[in-house]
N, C-alpha and C. Protein backbone atom coordinates (compact mmCIF):
# COMPACT_ATOMS: atom_id res chain seq x y z
N MET A 1 141.46 44.90 -30.32
CA MET A 1 140.06 45.13 -30.58
C MET A 1 139.29 45.35 -29.26
N VAL A 2 139.67 44.58 -28.24
CA VAL A 2 139.03 44.73 -26.92
C VAL A 2 139.32 46.13 -26.37
N GLU A 3 140.55 46.59 -26.54
CA GLU A 3 140.90 47.94 -26.08
C GLU A 3 140.08 48.99 -26.82
N GLN A 4 139.88 48.80 -28.11
CA GLN A 4 139.06 49.72 -28.89
C GLN A 4 137.63 49.75 -28.36
N ILE A 5 137.10 48.57 -28.01
CA ILE A 5 135.74 48.49 -27.46
C ILE A 5 135.67 49.22 -26.13
N GLU A 6 136.66 48.98 -25.26
CA GLU A 6 136.68 49.64 -23.95
C GLU A 6 136.73 51.16 -24.11
N ASN A 7 137.56 51.65 -25.03
CA ASN A 7 137.65 53.10 -25.27
C ASN A 7 136.34 53.66 -25.80
N ALA A 8 135.71 52.95 -26.71
CA ALA A 8 134.44 53.42 -27.29
C ALA A 8 133.36 53.47 -26.22
N VAL A 9 133.31 52.45 -25.35
CA VAL A 9 132.32 52.43 -24.27
C VAL A 9 132.58 53.58 -23.30
N LYS A 10 133.85 53.82 -22.97
CA LYS A 10 134.22 54.89 -22.04
C LYS A 10 133.78 56.25 -22.59
N ILE A 11 134.04 56.48 -23.88
CA ILE A 11 133.66 57.76 -24.52
C ILE A 11 132.14 57.90 -24.54
N GLU A 12 131.44 56.82 -24.87
CA GLU A 12 129.98 56.87 -24.93
C GLU A 12 129.40 57.20 -23.55
N ARG A 13 129.98 56.62 -22.49
CA ARG A 13 129.48 56.88 -21.13
C ARG A 13 129.82 58.30 -20.66
N GLU A 14 131.05 58.72 -20.90
CA GLU A 14 131.49 60.03 -20.43
C GLU A 14 130.72 61.16 -21.07
N TYR A 15 130.45 61.04 -22.34
CA TYR A 15 129.83 62.14 -23.08
C TYR A 15 128.36 61.87 -23.41
N PHE A 16 127.78 60.84 -22.78
CA PHE A 16 126.38 60.47 -23.04
C PHE A 16 126.10 60.40 -24.53
N ASN A 17 127.07 59.84 -25.20
CA ASN A 17 127.01 59.74 -26.66
C ASN A 17 126.12 58.56 -27.06
N ASN A 18 125.24 58.78 -28.01
CA ASN A 18 124.36 57.71 -28.49
C ASN A 18 124.98 56.92 -29.63
N SER A 19 126.26 57.03 -29.79
CA SER A 19 126.97 56.35 -30.87
C SER A 19 126.86 54.83 -30.70
N THR A 20 126.92 54.14 -31.82
CA THR A 20 126.88 52.67 -31.79
C THR A 20 128.25 52.09 -32.13
N ASP A 21 129.29 52.90 -31.95
CA ASP A 21 130.65 52.44 -32.27
C ASP A 21 131.00 51.18 -31.48
N SER A 22 130.69 51.18 -30.19
CA SER A 22 131.05 50.02 -29.36
C SER A 22 130.28 48.78 -29.82
N GLU A 23 129.02 48.95 -30.17
CA GLU A 23 128.21 47.80 -30.65
C GLU A 23 128.79 47.25 -31.95
N ASP A 24 129.20 48.15 -32.85
CA ASP A 24 129.79 47.72 -34.11
C ASP A 24 131.10 46.97 -33.88
N LEU A 25 131.90 47.47 -32.96
CA LEU A 25 133.17 46.81 -32.64
C LEU A 25 132.93 45.44 -31.99
N ILE A 26 131.94 45.36 -31.13
CA ILE A 26 131.61 44.08 -30.49
C ILE A 26 131.17 43.07 -31.55
N LYS A 27 130.39 43.54 -32.50
CA LYS A 27 129.93 42.66 -33.59
C LYS A 27 131.13 42.14 -34.39
N LYS A 28 132.08 43.04 -34.68
CA LYS A 28 133.28 42.63 -35.42
C LYS A 28 134.10 41.62 -34.62
N LEU A 29 134.20 41.83 -33.31
CA LEU A 29 134.92 40.89 -32.45
C LEU A 29 134.23 39.52 -32.44
N ASP A 30 132.91 39.53 -32.34
CA ASP A 30 132.15 38.27 -32.38
C ASP A 30 132.41 37.52 -33.68
N GLU A 31 132.38 38.26 -34.80
CA GLU A 31 132.62 37.64 -36.11
C GLU A 31 134.03 37.07 -36.20
N LEU A 32 135.01 37.80 -35.66
CA LEU A 32 136.40 37.35 -35.66
C LEU A 32 136.55 36.06 -34.85
N ILE A 33 135.94 36.02 -33.69
CA ILE A 33 136.02 34.82 -32.84
C ILE A 33 135.38 33.62 -33.54
N LEU A 34 134.20 33.82 -34.13
CA LEU A 34 133.55 32.72 -34.86
C LEU A 34 134.41 32.23 -36.02
N GLU A 35 135.01 33.19 -36.73
CA GLU A 35 135.88 32.84 -37.86
C GLU A 35 137.08 32.02 -37.39
N LYS A 36 137.72 32.45 -36.31
CA LYS A 36 138.92 31.77 -35.82
C LYS A 36 138.63 30.35 -35.33
N PHE A 37 137.41 30.10 -34.86
CA PHE A 37 137.03 28.77 -34.41
C PHE A 37 136.31 27.97 -35.50
N GLY A 38 136.24 28.51 -36.72
CA GLY A 38 135.61 27.80 -37.83
C GLY A 38 134.10 27.67 -37.69
N LEU A 39 133.46 28.64 -37.06
CA LEU A 39 132.03 28.56 -36.81
C LEU A 39 131.23 29.66 -37.52
N SER A 40 131.85 30.33 -38.47
CA SER A 40 131.20 31.47 -39.13
C SER A 40 129.88 31.12 -39.79
N ASN A 41 129.81 29.99 -40.46
CA ASN A 41 128.60 29.64 -41.20
C ASN A 41 127.85 28.46 -40.59
N ASP A 42 128.03 28.23 -39.32
CA ASP A 42 127.37 27.11 -38.65
C ASP A 42 125.93 27.49 -38.30
N VAL A 43 124.97 26.70 -38.80
CA VAL A 43 123.55 27.03 -38.59
C VAL A 43 123.15 26.90 -37.12
N PHE A 44 123.81 26.02 -36.38
CA PHE A 44 123.46 25.85 -34.97
C PHE A 44 123.96 27.04 -34.14
N VAL A 45 125.12 27.57 -34.48
CA VAL A 45 125.62 28.77 -33.81
C VAL A 45 124.70 29.95 -34.16
N ASP A 46 124.31 30.05 -35.43
CA ASP A 46 123.40 31.11 -35.85
C ASP A 46 122.08 31.02 -35.08
N TYR A 47 121.56 29.80 -34.92
CA TYR A 47 120.31 29.60 -34.19
C TYR A 47 120.46 30.04 -32.73
N ALA A 48 121.56 29.67 -32.11
CA ALA A 48 121.79 30.05 -30.72
C ALA A 48 121.91 31.57 -30.57
N LEU A 49 122.69 32.20 -31.46
CA LEU A 49 122.92 33.64 -31.35
C LEU A 49 121.72 34.48 -31.72
N ASN A 50 121.00 34.07 -32.75
CA ASN A 50 119.93 34.93 -33.28
C ASN A 50 118.53 34.54 -32.85
N ILE A 51 118.37 33.36 -32.26
CA ILE A 51 117.02 32.94 -31.83
C ILE A 51 116.99 32.62 -30.34
N GLN A 52 117.81 31.67 -29.90
CA GLN A 52 117.74 31.25 -28.51
C GLN A 52 118.15 32.34 -27.52
N ILE A 53 119.29 32.94 -27.73
CA ILE A 53 119.76 33.96 -26.78
C ILE A 53 118.82 35.17 -26.74
N PRO A 54 118.37 35.71 -27.88
CA PRO A 54 117.40 36.81 -27.79
C PRO A 54 116.10 36.43 -27.07
N LEU A 55 115.63 35.20 -27.27
CA LEU A 55 114.42 34.77 -26.56
C LEU A 55 114.66 34.72 -25.06
N ILE A 56 115.82 34.22 -24.66
CA ILE A 56 116.14 34.14 -23.24
C ILE A 56 116.34 35.55 -22.67
N ALA A 57 117.02 36.41 -23.42
CA ALA A 57 117.30 37.77 -22.95
C ALA A 57 116.01 38.57 -22.77
N LYS A 58 115.05 38.37 -23.65
CA LYS A 58 113.76 39.07 -23.55
C LYS A 58 112.91 38.48 -22.44
N ASN A 59 113.25 37.24 -22.06
CA ASN A 59 112.52 36.52 -21.02
C ASN A 59 111.04 36.36 -21.35
N LYS A 60 110.75 36.29 -22.64
CA LYS A 60 109.39 36.03 -23.08
C LYS A 60 109.44 35.44 -24.47
N MET A 61 108.39 34.79 -24.84
CA MET A 61 108.32 34.21 -26.17
C MET A 61 107.65 35.20 -27.11
N SER A 62 108.38 35.67 -28.10
CA SER A 62 107.78 36.55 -29.09
C SER A 62 107.52 35.73 -30.35
N TRP A 63 106.38 35.93 -30.95
CA TRP A 63 105.96 35.16 -32.10
C TRP A 63 106.32 35.93 -33.36
N GLU A 64 107.32 35.44 -34.09
CA GLU A 64 107.66 36.03 -35.38
C GLU A 64 107.21 35.05 -36.45
N THR A 65 106.36 35.50 -37.34
CA THR A 65 105.84 34.63 -38.39
C THR A 65 106.92 34.36 -39.42
N VAL A 66 107.00 33.12 -39.85
CA VAL A 66 108.00 32.70 -40.82
C VAL A 66 107.76 33.37 -42.17
N THR A 67 108.83 33.68 -42.86
CA THR A 67 108.73 34.27 -44.20
C THR A 67 108.91 33.17 -45.25
N SER A 68 108.56 33.49 -46.47
CA SER A 68 108.75 32.55 -47.57
C SER A 68 110.22 32.19 -47.74
N ASP A 69 111.10 33.18 -47.62
CA ASP A 69 112.54 32.93 -47.76
C ASP A 69 113.03 31.94 -46.71
N GLN A 70 112.54 32.08 -45.48
CA GLN A 70 112.94 31.15 -44.42
C GLN A 70 112.45 29.73 -44.72
N LEU A 71 111.24 29.61 -45.24
CA LEU A 71 110.72 28.29 -45.60
C LEU A 71 111.54 27.68 -46.74
N TYR A 72 111.95 28.50 -47.69
CA TYR A 72 112.79 28.01 -48.79
C TYR A 72 114.14 27.52 -48.26
N GLU A 73 114.75 28.27 -47.33
CA GLU A 73 116.03 27.85 -46.75
C GLU A 73 115.87 26.55 -45.97
N TYR A 74 114.77 26.42 -45.27
CA TYR A 74 114.48 25.18 -44.53
C TYR A 74 114.38 24.01 -45.52
N ALA A 75 113.58 24.18 -46.57
CA ALA A 75 113.37 23.12 -47.56
C ALA A 75 114.66 22.76 -48.28
N LYS A 76 115.52 23.74 -48.48
CA LYS A 76 116.78 23.52 -49.20
C LYS A 76 117.66 22.48 -48.51
N VAL A 77 117.63 22.43 -47.18
CA VAL A 77 118.42 21.45 -46.44
C VAL A 77 118.00 20.03 -46.86
N PHE A 78 116.70 19.82 -47.01
CA PHE A 78 116.18 18.51 -47.41
C PHE A 78 116.45 18.21 -48.88
N THR A 79 116.22 19.20 -49.75
CA THR A 79 116.39 18.95 -51.18
C THR A 79 117.85 18.66 -51.51
N GLU A 80 118.78 19.35 -50.86
CA GLU A 80 120.20 19.08 -51.11
C GLU A 80 120.57 17.67 -50.67
N TYR A 81 120.05 17.26 -49.52
CA TYR A 81 120.36 15.92 -49.03
C TYR A 81 119.76 14.84 -49.93
N PHE A 82 118.47 14.96 -50.22
CA PHE A 82 117.80 13.91 -50.99
C PHE A 82 118.21 13.88 -52.46
N SER A 83 118.64 15.01 -53.00
CA SER A 83 119.07 14.99 -54.41
C SER A 83 120.32 14.13 -54.59
N THR A 84 121.21 14.13 -53.60
CA THR A 84 122.41 13.30 -53.71
C THR A 84 122.07 11.80 -53.66
N ILE A 85 120.98 11.47 -53.00
CA ILE A 85 120.56 10.07 -52.90
C ILE A 85 119.70 9.65 -54.08
N LEU A 86 118.76 10.51 -54.48
CA LEU A 86 117.77 10.15 -55.49
C LEU A 86 118.26 10.28 -56.93
N ASN A 87 119.01 11.32 -57.23
CA ASN A 87 119.39 11.59 -58.62
C ASN A 87 120.14 10.45 -59.31
N PRO A 88 121.07 9.77 -58.63
CA PRO A 88 121.75 8.65 -59.31
C PRO A 88 120.79 7.53 -59.74
N SER A 89 119.67 7.39 -59.04
CA SER A 89 118.71 6.34 -59.40
C SER A 89 117.57 6.88 -60.26
N LYS A 90 117.77 8.07 -60.85
CA LYS A 90 116.80 8.70 -61.75
C LYS A 90 115.46 8.97 -61.05
N LYS A 91 115.54 9.33 -59.78
CA LYS A 91 114.37 9.78 -59.02
C LYS A 91 114.62 11.23 -58.65
N TYR A 92 113.56 11.96 -58.45
CA TYR A 92 113.69 13.39 -58.17
C TYR A 92 112.78 13.77 -57.02
N SER A 93 113.08 14.90 -56.41
CA SER A 93 112.21 15.40 -55.35
C SER A 93 111.79 16.82 -55.67
N SER A 94 110.61 17.16 -55.20
CA SER A 94 110.13 18.53 -55.28
C SER A 94 109.52 18.87 -53.93
N VAL A 95 109.31 20.14 -53.71
CA VAL A 95 108.81 20.59 -52.42
C VAL A 95 107.59 21.47 -52.64
N ASN A 96 106.55 21.21 -51.86
CA ASN A 96 105.38 22.07 -51.82
C ASN A 96 105.34 22.73 -50.45
N ILE A 97 105.27 24.05 -50.45
CA ILE A 97 105.21 24.80 -49.20
C ILE A 97 103.79 25.33 -49.05
N TYR A 98 103.21 25.05 -47.89
CA TYR A 98 101.85 25.51 -47.59
C TYR A 98 101.94 26.48 -46.41
N LYS A 99 101.60 27.73 -46.68
CA LYS A 99 101.62 28.74 -45.63
C LYS A 99 100.20 29.05 -45.19
N ASN A 100 100.10 29.55 -43.98
CA ASN A 100 98.84 30.06 -43.45
C ASN A 100 97.74 29.00 -43.41
N ILE A 101 98.06 27.84 -42.88
CA ILE A 101 97.07 26.77 -42.71
C ILE A 101 96.39 27.00 -41.36
N ALA A 102 95.08 27.04 -41.37
CA ALA A 102 94.29 27.19 -40.15
C ALA A 102 94.77 28.36 -39.29
N GLY A 103 95.22 29.42 -39.94
CA GLY A 103 95.58 30.62 -39.19
C GLY A 103 97.02 30.73 -38.78
N HIS A 104 97.64 29.65 -38.29
CA HIS A 104 99.04 29.81 -37.90
C HIS A 104 99.87 28.52 -37.97
N TYR A 105 99.64 27.76 -39.00
CA TYR A 105 100.48 26.58 -39.27
C TYR A 105 101.07 26.70 -40.66
N CYS A 106 102.19 26.03 -40.84
CA CYS A 106 102.81 25.89 -42.15
C CYS A 106 103.18 24.42 -42.32
N ALA A 107 103.26 24.01 -43.57
CA ALA A 107 103.69 22.64 -43.85
C ALA A 107 104.62 22.67 -45.04
N VAL A 108 105.55 21.74 -45.01
CA VAL A 108 106.46 21.55 -46.13
C VAL A 108 106.33 20.09 -46.52
N GLU A 109 105.92 19.87 -47.77
CA GLU A 109 105.71 18.51 -48.29
C GLU A 109 106.82 18.19 -49.29
N PHE A 110 107.48 17.07 -49.08
CA PHE A 110 108.56 16.63 -49.96
C PHE A 110 108.03 15.46 -50.78
N VAL A 111 108.02 15.63 -52.09
CA VAL A 111 107.44 14.64 -53.00
C VAL A 111 108.55 13.97 -53.79
N ILE A 112 108.54 12.64 -53.81
CA ILE A 112 109.49 11.86 -54.60
C ILE A 112 108.79 11.49 -55.90
N GLN A 113 109.45 11.74 -57.03
CA GLN A 113 108.81 11.49 -58.33
C GLN A 113 109.79 10.92 -59.34
N ASP A 114 109.22 10.37 -60.40
CA ASP A 114 110.02 9.72 -61.44
C ASP A 114 110.53 10.70 -62.50
N THR A 115 109.88 11.84 -62.63
CA THR A 115 110.29 12.82 -63.64
C THR A 115 110.84 14.06 -62.95
N GLU A 116 111.77 14.69 -63.62
CA GLU A 116 112.37 15.90 -63.05
C GLU A 116 111.33 17.01 -63.02
N PRO A 117 111.14 17.65 -61.86
CA PRO A 117 110.11 18.70 -61.76
C PRO A 117 110.54 19.96 -62.50
N MET A 118 109.53 20.68 -63.00
CA MET A 118 109.83 21.94 -63.67
C MET A 118 110.28 22.98 -62.64
N GLU A 119 109.65 22.95 -61.46
CA GLU A 119 110.06 23.83 -60.37
C GLU A 119 110.36 22.97 -59.15
N LEU A 120 111.50 23.24 -58.54
CA LEU A 120 111.91 22.46 -57.37
C LEU A 120 111.03 22.76 -56.16
N ILE A 121 110.69 24.03 -55.98
CA ILE A 121 109.88 24.44 -54.83
C ILE A 121 108.69 25.25 -55.32
N THR A 122 107.50 24.87 -54.84
CA THR A 122 106.27 25.58 -55.16
C THR A 122 105.62 26.02 -53.86
N GLU A 123 105.21 27.28 -53.81
CA GLU A 123 104.58 27.79 -52.60
C GLU A 123 103.09 28.01 -52.83
N TYR A 124 102.31 27.54 -51.87
CA TYR A 124 100.86 27.75 -51.89
C TYR A 124 100.53 28.60 -50.68
N ASN A 125 100.32 29.88 -50.89
CA ASN A 125 100.08 30.81 -49.79
C ASN A 125 98.64 31.30 -49.84
N GLY A 126 97.80 30.73 -49.02
CA GLY A 126 96.43 31.20 -48.92
C GLY A 126 95.48 30.67 -49.98
N ASN A 127 95.96 29.84 -50.92
CA ASN A 127 95.07 29.25 -51.92
C ASN A 127 94.20 28.20 -51.23
N GLN A 128 92.93 28.52 -51.03
CA GLN A 128 92.04 27.68 -50.24
C GLN A 128 91.88 26.28 -50.81
N ASN A 129 91.68 26.14 -52.13
CA ASN A 129 91.47 24.81 -52.72
C ASN A 129 92.69 23.92 -52.52
N THR A 130 93.86 24.46 -52.79
CA THR A 130 95.10 23.69 -52.64
C THR A 130 95.32 23.32 -51.18
N GLN A 131 95.07 24.28 -50.30
CA GLN A 131 95.27 24.00 -48.88
C GLN A 131 94.27 22.95 -48.38
N MET A 132 93.04 23.02 -48.84
CA MET A 132 92.05 22.02 -48.42
C MET A 132 92.44 20.63 -48.92
N ASN A 133 92.97 20.55 -50.15
CA ASN A 133 93.45 19.26 -50.66
C ASN A 133 94.58 18.73 -49.79
N PHE A 134 95.48 19.62 -49.41
CA PHE A 134 96.58 19.20 -48.55
C PHE A 134 96.07 18.76 -47.18
N ILE A 135 95.20 19.55 -46.58
CA ILE A 135 94.67 19.23 -45.26
C ILE A 135 93.95 17.89 -45.28
N SER A 136 93.25 17.59 -46.37
CA SER A 136 92.52 16.33 -46.45
C SER A 136 93.47 15.13 -46.41
N LYS A 137 94.72 15.31 -46.77
CA LYS A 137 95.69 14.22 -46.74
C LYS A 137 95.90 13.70 -45.33
N PHE A 138 95.91 14.61 -44.36
CA PHE A 138 96.15 14.13 -43.01
C PHE A 138 94.91 14.16 -42.13
N MET A 139 93.82 14.76 -42.59
CA MET A 139 92.61 14.78 -41.78
C MET A 139 91.98 13.40 -41.69
N LEU A 140 92.26 12.53 -42.65
CA LEU A 140 91.62 11.23 -42.68
C LEU A 140 92.41 10.16 -41.95
N ASN A 141 93.58 10.49 -41.47
CA ASN A 141 94.37 9.47 -40.78
C ASN A 141 94.59 9.81 -39.32
N LYS A 142 95.46 9.09 -38.67
CA LYS A 142 95.65 9.23 -37.23
C LYS A 142 96.18 10.58 -36.79
N VAL A 143 96.73 11.36 -37.70
CA VAL A 143 97.25 12.67 -37.32
C VAL A 143 96.10 13.59 -36.89
N ASN A 144 94.93 13.40 -37.49
CA ASN A 144 93.79 14.24 -37.18
C ASN A 144 93.52 14.33 -35.68
N ASP A 145 93.54 13.21 -34.99
CA ASP A 145 93.26 13.20 -33.56
C ASP A 145 94.31 13.94 -32.76
N LEU A 146 95.53 13.99 -33.28
CA LEU A 146 96.63 14.61 -32.54
C LEU A 146 96.93 16.04 -32.99
N PHE A 147 96.32 16.47 -34.10
CA PHE A 147 96.71 17.70 -34.77
C PHE A 147 96.81 18.89 -33.83
N TYR A 148 95.80 19.12 -33.02
CA TYR A 148 95.81 20.29 -32.15
C TYR A 148 96.48 20.03 -30.81
N GLN A 149 96.93 18.80 -30.56
CA GLN A 149 97.54 18.48 -29.28
C GLN A 149 99.07 18.49 -29.34
N ILE A 150 99.63 18.18 -30.52
CA ILE A 150 101.08 18.11 -30.62
C ILE A 150 101.62 19.28 -31.40
N LYS A 151 102.87 19.59 -31.15
CA LYS A 151 103.47 20.79 -31.73
C LYS A 151 103.84 20.60 -33.20
N ASP A 152 104.57 19.57 -33.52
CA ASP A 152 105.07 19.36 -34.87
C ASP A 152 104.80 17.92 -35.28
N VAL A 153 104.55 17.71 -36.58
CA VAL A 153 104.23 16.38 -37.07
C VAL A 153 105.04 16.07 -38.32
N ILE A 154 105.54 14.85 -38.40
CA ILE A 154 106.10 14.32 -39.64
C ILE A 154 105.19 13.17 -40.03
N ASP A 155 104.72 13.15 -41.28
CA ASP A 155 103.88 12.04 -41.72
C ASP A 155 104.33 11.62 -43.11
N PHE A 156 104.17 10.34 -43.39
CA PHE A 156 104.62 9.76 -44.65
C PHE A 156 103.44 9.19 -45.42
N SER A 157 103.49 9.35 -46.73
CA SER A 157 102.58 8.63 -47.62
C SER A 157 103.46 7.84 -48.58
N GLU A 158 102.85 7.25 -49.59
CA GLU A 158 103.62 6.36 -50.47
C GLU A 158 104.77 7.06 -51.18
N LYS A 159 104.53 8.28 -51.69
CA LYS A 159 105.57 8.97 -52.45
C LYS A 159 105.90 10.36 -51.91
N SER A 160 105.53 10.61 -50.67
CA SER A 160 105.85 11.92 -50.10
C SER A 160 105.87 11.83 -48.58
N PHE A 161 106.40 12.88 -47.99
CA PHE A 161 106.27 13.08 -46.56
C PHE A 161 106.17 14.57 -46.32
N TYR A 162 105.56 14.93 -45.22
CA TYR A 162 105.45 16.34 -44.92
C TYR A 162 105.78 16.60 -43.46
N ILE A 163 106.11 17.85 -43.21
CA ILE A 163 106.39 18.33 -41.87
C ILE A 163 105.44 19.49 -41.62
N LEU A 164 104.71 19.41 -40.54
CA LEU A 164 103.70 20.39 -40.19
C LEU A 164 104.07 21.00 -38.84
N LYS A 165 104.14 22.33 -38.78
CA LYS A 165 104.51 23.04 -37.55
C LYS A 165 103.77 24.36 -37.49
N THR A 166 103.82 24.99 -36.32
CA THR A 166 103.30 26.35 -36.23
C THR A 166 104.16 27.26 -37.09
N ASP A 167 103.62 28.41 -37.43
CA ASP A 167 104.33 29.31 -38.36
C ASP A 167 105.34 30.24 -37.67
N GLU A 168 105.83 29.86 -36.50
CA GLU A 168 106.87 30.65 -35.84
C GLU A 168 108.18 30.49 -36.61
N SER A 169 108.86 31.58 -36.87
CA SER A 169 110.09 31.52 -37.66
C SER A 169 111.14 30.64 -37.00
N LYS A 170 111.17 30.58 -35.68
CA LYS A 170 112.18 29.76 -35.00
C LYS A 170 112.04 28.28 -35.34
N ASN A 171 110.84 27.85 -35.72
CA ASN A 171 110.60 26.44 -36.07
C ASN A 171 111.13 26.09 -37.46
N TRP A 172 111.38 27.08 -38.29
CA TRP A 172 111.74 26.84 -39.69
C TRP A 172 113.16 27.31 -40.00
N HIS A 173 114.00 27.38 -39.02
CA HIS A 173 115.41 27.78 -39.19
C HIS A 173 116.17 26.58 -39.79
N PRO A 174 117.23 26.83 -40.59
CA PRO A 174 118.03 25.72 -41.14
C PRO A 174 118.57 24.76 -40.08
N ALA A 175 118.84 25.25 -38.88
CA ALA A 175 119.29 24.34 -37.81
C ALA A 175 118.18 23.36 -37.46
N MET A 176 116.93 23.85 -37.43
CA MET A 176 115.79 22.97 -37.16
C MET A 176 115.60 22.00 -38.32
N ALA A 177 115.90 22.45 -39.54
CA ALA A 177 115.79 21.57 -40.71
C ALA A 177 116.74 20.38 -40.57
N LYS A 178 117.95 20.65 -40.10
CA LYS A 178 118.91 19.55 -39.93
C LYS A 178 118.45 18.57 -38.87
N LEU A 179 117.89 19.09 -37.78
CA LEU A 179 117.36 18.20 -36.74
C LEU A 179 116.14 17.43 -37.25
N ASP A 180 115.27 18.11 -38.00
CA ASP A 180 114.09 17.45 -38.56
C ASP A 180 114.48 16.40 -39.60
N LEU A 181 115.52 16.69 -40.38
CA LEU A 181 116.01 15.72 -41.35
C LEU A 181 116.48 14.45 -40.63
N ALA A 182 117.16 14.62 -39.51
CA ALA A 182 117.58 13.46 -38.72
C ALA A 182 116.37 12.67 -38.24
N ASP A 183 115.30 13.38 -37.82
CA ASP A 183 114.07 12.70 -37.39
C ASP A 183 113.41 11.96 -38.56
N VAL A 184 113.41 12.57 -39.73
CA VAL A 184 112.83 11.93 -40.92
C VAL A 184 113.60 10.66 -41.25
N LEU A 185 114.92 10.76 -41.27
CA LEU A 185 115.74 9.60 -41.59
C LEU A 185 115.56 8.50 -40.54
N ASP A 186 115.45 8.89 -39.27
CA ASP A 186 115.20 7.92 -38.21
C ASP A 186 113.84 7.24 -38.41
N SER A 187 112.83 8.02 -38.77
CA SER A 187 111.50 7.46 -39.02
C SER A 187 111.51 6.49 -40.20
N ILE A 188 112.24 6.85 -41.25
CA ILE A 188 112.35 5.98 -42.41
C ILE A 188 113.04 4.68 -42.04
N MET A 189 114.14 4.79 -41.30
CA MET A 189 114.90 3.58 -40.93
C MET A 189 114.15 2.70 -39.93
N SER A 190 113.39 3.33 -39.02
CA SER A 190 112.68 2.55 -38.02
C SER A 190 111.30 2.10 -38.48
N GLY A 191 110.78 2.70 -39.56
CA GLY A 191 109.48 2.31 -40.07
C GLY A 191 108.31 3.00 -39.39
N ASN A 192 108.59 4.02 -38.56
CA ASN A 192 107.50 4.78 -37.94
C ASN A 192 106.86 5.67 -38.98
N GLU A 193 105.54 5.64 -39.09
CA GLU A 193 104.86 6.43 -40.10
C GLU A 193 104.59 7.87 -39.69
N VAL A 194 104.33 8.08 -38.42
CA VAL A 194 104.07 9.42 -37.91
C VAL A 194 104.95 9.64 -36.72
N SER A 195 105.55 10.79 -36.64
CA SER A 195 106.34 11.07 -35.46
C SER A 195 106.13 12.51 -35.02
N GLU A 196 106.28 12.73 -33.75
CA GLU A 196 106.24 14.07 -33.20
C GLU A 196 107.67 14.56 -33.12
N ILE A 197 107.88 15.80 -33.52
CA ILE A 197 109.23 16.37 -33.44
C ILE A 197 109.23 17.58 -32.55
């Protein structure tokens, strides 16, 4: 495969060919290497390859706004984990996704409840009344003073917790969800009510 890549690059250079054959072959080689090392579906490898390395290569921070699908994938990491813990005790979780808060924040609220929800994930995108109700949850407590000073917040109430971050897609990657889940579990075990992540 390496020889094929070398030949494709040589042909592209010699004939000023705009072909992407070498790029396609390099991609296949990368996939083969990841497969052979058992890293094909690793979210941390995906984060490094598709977010960290491109950011470093560009040598600048580009702001890509998170999509609904990315927020759903982020929330799925939490729902899968908590369903294994809650369901045997007849407790359930649901997720509320709040997009476009104050221009460039998003929040994901995880609610623990006694009845099985009709919808596992509900998105509130731009609904002012719903967003104001959500914002009022943390505007009245200690998070308010820190809101514009810290990057990410985890806060707990009696039957829910939420994660609030800027709406950059890199913040809502499944790899970040796994790290944030570890922070949530640490906060639960240590009894910290608010934490910066």
